Amino acid sequence: MLSKYIGDLTLPIYYIAGPPGMVVGLRKTLSESGVNDDNIRTEEFSGY
């Protein structure tokens, strides 16, 4: 789904913030899609 809107997934730097499960899942999806871990920034917020 992401590649439909972004095109080449490996070019952008991704910023992910939210509940831990969402952050982990989206990071995994991006990594499996070929995004370098250096291009993924995360911050987890629990307690929602």
Protein backbone atom coordinates (compact mmCIF):
# COMPACT_ATOMS: atom_id res chain seq x y z
CA MET A 1 0.00 0.00 0.00
CA LEU A 2 2.78 2.46 0.84
CA SER A 3 4.50 2.02 -2.50
CA LYS A 4 1.24 2.99 -4.24
CA TYR A 5 1.53 6.49 -2.76
CA ILE A 6 5.28 6.92 -2.27
CA GLY A 7 6.87 5.11 -5.22
CA ASP A 8 10.46 4.28 -4.21
CA LEU A 9 10.15 3.44 -0.51
CA THR A 10 13.91 3.54 0.05
CA LEU A 11 14.36 7.28 -0.59
CA PRO A 12 12.46 9.09 2.20
CA ILE A 13 13.35 9.32 5.86
CA TYR A 14 10.43 7.98 7.90
CA TYR A 15 9.30 9.38 11.25
CA ILE A 16 7.05 7.02 13.22
CA ALA A 17 5.45 7.98 16.54
CA GLY A 18 2.68 6.20 18.40
CA PRO A 19 1.85 3.16 20.51
CA PRO A 20 4.68 0.61 20.78
CA GLY A 21 2.88 -2.10 18.79
CA MET A 22 2.21 0.23 15.88
CA VAL A 23 5.77 1.55 15.85
CA VAL A 24 7.27 -1.96 15.90
CA GLY A 25 4.90 -3.18 13.18
CA LEU A 26 5.47 -0.26 10.84
CA ARG A 27 9.25 -0.37 11.35
CA LYS A 28 9.17 -4.09 10.45
CA THR A 29 7.06 -3.41 7.35
CA LEU A 30 9.44 -0.68 6.17
CA SER A 31 12.54 -2.81 6.82
CA GLU A 32 11.04 -5.74 4.91
CA SER A 33 10.31 -3.33 2.03
CA GLY A 34 14.01 -2.48 1.73
CA VAL A 35 14.15 0.73 3.76
CA ASN A 36 17.52 1.18 5.50
CA ASP A 37 17.19 1.28 9.30
CA ASP A 38 19.15 4.56 9.28
CA ASN A 39 16.19 6.13 7.44
CA ILE A 40 13.63 5.17 10.09
CA ARG A 41 13.19 7.40 13.17
CA THR A 42 10.85 6.22 15.92
CA GLU A 43 9.35 7.35 19.18
CA GLU A 44 6.97 5.23 21.23
CA PHE A 45 4.15 6.63 23.34
CA SER A 46 2.37 4.18 25.61
CA GLY A 47 -0.67 4.76 27.75
CA TYR A 48 -3.30 5.67 25.17
